Amino acid sequence: MEKNVGIIYGTETGNTEHIAGLIKQEWGPEQVEVHNVAGMELAIFEKFDILILGVPSWYDGQVQDDWDEMLEDLSSVDLKDRAVALYGLGDQQDWGLYFIDAVGALADKVLEGGAKLIGEWPVEGYDFIESQAINKNGNFYGLAIDEDWQSELSEGRVKKWVMQLKKELQDLQILEVA
């Protein structure tokens, strides 16, 4: 059975949008819809069986402005038992005390809504001081991207992460992989 996949991202610089495009391409462009959270209707969240949410962290770990506006309303979206994957962008060198903290804030919100969070990502290969995006297993809640200092790794990380997501969804019997 074909599942509806939606990537919803917020961006200030275009980097989170760029990563959304890489994820879409890797997943299979005909199977994925991409939306910028800026000015987006809340009902769009309801369209998708599988959600991939992208958020950059700003300054000392704040959620990007458009996501900040949407975060409050997200509690009215039915996320119960829906598969949700997160990816976040941050600067581990200059903002290492808050590396991808916004992913942690988004994770708290979707978990509070009863979502099934998939796609945790190892912290190895990053050089940061602290992050609120680390789960109880010691991994990031989702894919961590640093376009400032590790942009050459982004494409490979996306490829690996998308394969991981598809495997997790297959294991959860949410997605059939041919």
Protein backbone atom coordinates (compact mmCIF):
# COMPACT_ATOMS: atom_id res chain seq x y z
CA MET A 1 0.00 0.00 0.00
CA GLU A 2 1.37 3.42 -1.01
CA LYS A 3 1.74 5.86 1.88
CA ASN A 4 1.53 9.62 1.67
CA VAL A 5 4.82 11.27 2.71
CA GLY A 6 4.98 14.96 3.55
CA ILE A 7 8.08 17.00 4.25
CA ILE A 8 7.31 20.19 6.13
CA TYR A 9 10.20 22.54 6.81
CA GLY A 10 10.95 26.03 8.00
CA THR A 11 13.91 28.04 6.74
CA GLU A 12 15.64 31.39 6.99
CA THR A 13 18.63 30.80 4.72
CA GLY A 14 17.32 28.15 2.34
CA ASN A 15 19.47 25.36 3.82
CA THR A 16 16.58 23.47 5.44
CA GLU A 17 14.69 23.70 2.14
CA HIS A 18 17.75 22.36 0.31
CA ILE A 19 17.87 19.34 2.65
CA ALA A 20 14.12 18.81 2.12
CA GLY A 21 14.85 18.61 -1.61
CA LEU A 22 17.62 16.05 -1.04
CA ILE A 23 15.31 13.93 1.12
CA LYS A 24 12.54 14.10 -1.49
CA GLN A 25 14.94 13.09 -4.26
CA GLU A 26 16.33 10.20 -2.24
CA TRP A 27 12.89 8.98 -1.13
CA GLY A 28 11.43 9.09 -4.62
CA PRO A 29 10.15 12.48 -5.77
CA GLU A 30 6.81 11.14 -6.99
CA GLN A 31 6.00 9.84 -3.48
CA VAL A 32 6.70 13.01 -1.50
CA GLU A 33 5.10 16.43 -1.14
CA VAL A 34 7.15 19.31 0.26
CA HIS A 35 5.70 22.32 2.11
CA ASN A 36 7.23 25.38 3.73
CA VAL A 37 5.64 25.85 7.16
CA ALA A 38 5.56 29.64 6.59
CA GLY A 39 1.92 30.61 6.15
CA MET A 40 0.92 26.95 5.77
CA GLU A 41 -2.56 25.78 6.72
CA LEU A 42 -2.64 23.44 9.71
CA ALA A 43 -4.82 21.00 7.73
CA ILE A 44 -1.82 20.09 5.55
CA PHE A 45 -0.41 18.02 8.44
CA GLU A 46 -3.51 15.82 8.25
CA LYS A 47 -2.89 14.93 4.56
CA PHE A 48 0.06 12.67 5.24
CA ASP A 49 0.52 9.19 6.69
CA ILE A 50 4.22 9.88 7.25
CA LEU A 51 5.59 13.28 8.25
CA ILE A 52 9.19 14.44 7.94
CA LEU A 53 9.64 17.74 9.74
CA GLY A 54 12.68 19.95 9.22
CA VAL A 55 13.68 22.75 11.58
CA PRO A 56 16.80 24.89 11.87
CA SER A 57 18.00 26.13 15.25
CA TRP A 58 18.66 29.83 15.61
CA TYR A 59 20.90 31.76 17.99
CA ASP A 60 20.92 30.00 21.35
CA GLY A 61 18.79 27.07 20.19
CA GLN A 62 15.53 28.79 19.33
CA VAL A 63 13.06 27.25 16.94
CA GLN A 64 13.01 29.03 13.58
CA ASP A 65 10.37 31.81 13.48
CA ASP A 66 7.83 30.11 11.21
CA TRP A 67 7.98 26.90 13.27
CA ASP A 68 7.72 28.94 16.45
CA GLU A 69 4.37 30.28 15.22
CA MET A 70 3.18 26.78 14.22
CA LEU A 71 4.36 24.98 17.39
CA GLU A 72 1.45 26.19 19.51
CA ASP A 73 -1.12 25.06 16.95
CA LEU A 74 0.55 21.68 16.44
CA SER A 75 -1.18 20.32 19.56
CA SER A 76 -4.49 20.47 17.69
CA VAL A 77 -3.17 18.13 14.95
CA ASP A 78 -3.96 14.44 15.42
CA LEU A 79 -0.51 12.83 15.57
CA LYS A 80 -1.57 9.76 17.56
CA ASP A 81 0.41 6.75 16.31
CA ARG A 82 1.52 8.60 13.16
CA ALA A 83 5.08 8.10 11.97
CA VAL A 84 7.07 11.31 12.31
CA ALA A 85 10.75 11.81 11.50
CA LEU A 86 12.70 14.96 12.31
CA TYR A 87 15.74 16.59 10.82
CA GLY A 88 17.46 19.70 12.06
CA LEU A 89 20.10 22.12 10.96
CA GLY A 90 22.54 23.83 13.24
CA ASP A 91 26.07 25.16 13.60
CA GLN A 92 28.02 22.88 15.92
CA GLN A 93 31.13 25.04 16.03
CA ASP A 94 29.78 28.55 16.64
CA TRP A 95 26.62 27.46 18.49
CA GLY A 96 27.87 24.22 20.07
CA LEU A 97 26.05 24.85 23.34
CA TYR A 98 22.72 24.67 21.49
CA PHE A 99 23.38 22.35 18.55
CA ILE A 100 20.04 21.54 16.86
CA ASP A 101 18.12 22.31 20.07
CA ALA A 102 15.05 23.16 17.97
CA VAL A 103 14.79 19.45 17.07
CA GLY A 104 14.40 18.72 20.78
CA ALA A 105 11.58 21.27 21.08
CA LEU A 106 9.81 19.80 18.03
CA ALA A 107 10.34 16.25 19.32
CA ASP A 108 8.74 17.16 22.65
CA LYS A 109 5.71 18.56 20.84
CA VAL A 110 5.15 15.58 18.50
CA LEU A 111 5.74 13.03 21.27
CA GLU A 112 3.25 14.92 23.43
CA GLY A 113 0.77 14.46 20.57
CA GLY A 114 1.28 10.69 20.58
CA ALA A 115 3.36 10.42 17.40
CA LYS A 116 5.62 7.47 16.73
CA LEU A 117 9.02 9.17 16.40
CA ILE A 118 11.36 7.40 13.98
CA GLY A 119 14.78 8.12 12.52
CA GLU A 120 16.98 8.74 15.54
CA TRP A 121 20.54 9.53 14.49
CA PRO A 122 23.92 8.89 16.20
CA VAL A 123 25.83 11.79 17.78
CA GLU A 124 29.17 10.40 16.58
CA GLY A 125 30.82 12.51 13.90
CA TYR A 126 29.73 15.83 15.40
CA ASP A 127 31.69 18.19 17.66
CA PHE A 128 29.34 20.12 19.93
CA ILE A 129 29.04 20.83 23.64
CA GLU A 130 25.34 20.30 24.40
CA SER A 131 22.07 19.60 22.65
CA GLN A 132 18.46 19.34 23.76
CA ALA A 133 17.93 17.14 20.70
CA ILE A 134 19.43 14.05 22.36
CA ASN A 135 16.98 11.31 23.32
CA LYS A 136 17.15 8.80 26.17
CA ASN A 137 19.21 6.43 23.97
CA GLY A 138 21.95 9.05 23.64
CA ASN A 139 21.16 9.69 19.97
CA PHE A 140 19.67 12.73 18.26
CA TYR A 141 15.89 12.55 17.87
CA GLY A 142 16.48 12.86 14.12
CA LEU A 143 19.00 13.64 11.43
CA ALA A 144 21.50 16.38 12.36
CA ILE A 145 22.86 18.53 9.54
CA ASP A 146 25.53 21.23 9.78
CA GLU A 147 25.67 23.06 6.44
CA ASP A 148 28.14 25.58 7.91
CA TRP A 149 30.95 23.19 8.86
CA GLN A 150 30.08 19.77 7.37
CA SER A 151 28.15 20.50 4.18
CA GLU A 152 30.22 17.91 2.31
CA LEU A 153 28.64 15.21 4.54
CA SER A 154 25.01 16.29 4.10
CA GLU A 155 24.16 14.32 0.96
CA GLY A 156 25.63 11.07 2.32
CA ARG A 157 23.89 11.55 5.65
CA VAL A 158 20.55 12.14 3.90
CA LYS A 159 20.95 9.00 1.77
CA LYS A 160 21.76 6.87 4.81
CA TRP A 161 18.95 8.40 6.87
CA VAL A 162 16.29 7.90 4.20
CA MET A 163 17.31 4.23 3.88
CA GLN A 164 17.08 3.95 7.67
CA LEU A 165 13.61 5.57 7.71
CA LYS A 166 12.30 3.20 5.05
CA LYS A 167 13.64 0.21 6.98
CA GLU A 168 12.09 1.42 10.25
CA LEU A 169 8.75 2.02 8.52
CA GLN A 170 8.90 -1.44 6.98
CA ASP A 171 9.71 -2.98 10.38
CA LEU A 172 6.73 -1.11 11.87
CA GLN A 173 4.62 -2.41 8.97
CA ILE A 174 3.81 1.15 7.98
CA LEU A 175 5.56 1.00 4.63
CA GLU A 176 5.96 -1.81 2.15
CA VAL A 177 9.30 -1.69 0.38
CA ALA A 178 9.61 -3.46 -2.95
